[in-house]
Protein backbone atom coordinates (compact mmCIF):
# COMPACT_ATOMS: atom_id res chain seq x y z
CA MET A 1 113.18 141.25 131.30
CA HIS A 2 110.89 140.12 134.08
CA ALA A 3 109.04 136.86 133.35
CA ASP A 4 105.58 138.36 133.94
CA VAL A 5 106.24 141.23 131.53
CA HIS A 6 107.61 138.84 128.93
CA HIS A 7 104.53 136.62 129.26
CA LEU A 8 102.19 139.61 128.97
CA LEU A 9 103.94 140.89 125.83
CA HIS A 10 103.85 137.40 124.32
CA THR A 11 100.12 137.07 125.06
CA VAL A 12 99.34 140.43 123.43
CA ALA A 13 101.47 139.67 120.37
CA SER A 14 99.96 136.22 119.87
CA ALA A 15 96.40 137.59 120.17
CA GLU A 16 97.21 140.20 117.53
CA LEU A 17 98.70 137.59 115.20
CA ARG A 18 95.67 135.31 115.62
CA SER A 19 93.26 138.13 114.77
CA ARG A 20 95.27 139.06 111.65
CA ALA A 21 95.62 135.42 110.55
CA GLY A 22 91.84 135.00 110.52
CA GLU A 23 91.66 137.06 107.33
CA PHE A 24 93.88 134.63 105.45
CA ARG A 25 92.40 131.35 106.69
CA LEU A 26 91.07 128.94 104.05
CA PRO A 27 87.76 127.20 104.61
CA ARG A 28 88.71 123.97 106.36
CA THR A 29 85.82 121.78 105.27
CA SER A 30 86.32 122.19 101.55
CA LEU A 31 90.10 121.79 101.82
CA ARG A 32 89.75 118.70 104.00
CA THR A 33 87.22 117.24 101.61
CA ARG A 34 89.42 117.83 98.55
CA VAL A 35 92.49 116.39 100.27
CA GLY A 36 90.51 113.41 101.53
CA TRP A 37 89.13 112.51 98.11
CA THR A 38 92.56 113.01 96.56
CA LEU A 39 94.03 110.54 99.05
CA VAL A 40 91.25 108.06 98.29
CA GLU A 41 91.93 108.38 94.57
CA VAL A 42 95.68 107.89 95.04
CA GLY A 43 95.06 104.86 97.25
CA LEU A 44 92.75 103.29 94.70
CA ARG A 45 95.29 103.85 91.94
CA LEU A 46 98.06 102.31 94.02
CA THR A 47 96.02 99.22 94.85
CA ALA A 48 94.99 98.79 91.21
CA GLN A 49 98.63 99.09 90.10
CA SER A 50 99.82 96.61 92.71
CA ARG A 51 97.22 94.03 91.62
CA ASP A 52 98.15 94.46 87.96
CA ALA A 53 101.87 94.34 88.70
CA ALA A 54 101.61 91.31 91.03
CA ALA A 55 99.85 89.06 88.49
CA PRO A 56 102.72 88.76 85.95
CA ARG A 57 105.29 88.15 88.67
CA ALA A 58 103.21 85.34 90.17
CA ALA A 59 102.69 83.75 86.74
CA ALA A 60 106.42 83.98 85.90
CA PHE A 61 107.43 82.18 89.11
CA ARG A 62 107.90 78.44 88.58
CA PRO A 63 108.77 76.29 91.55
CA ALA A 64 111.51 73.70 91.05
């Protein structure tokens, strides 16, 4: 197949796929917001766990 014809067919197919995909697209702002706050919550839980877990180890360590 000639390169120009291949490129033209690819351009037409990709434009059709983009137009059809628009129907199924989720709202980005609400999804980004939910994922962002979920990551903040996970980070806060991890830091709280690491502080709680680090205290007993430091108290159990006795230098010679």
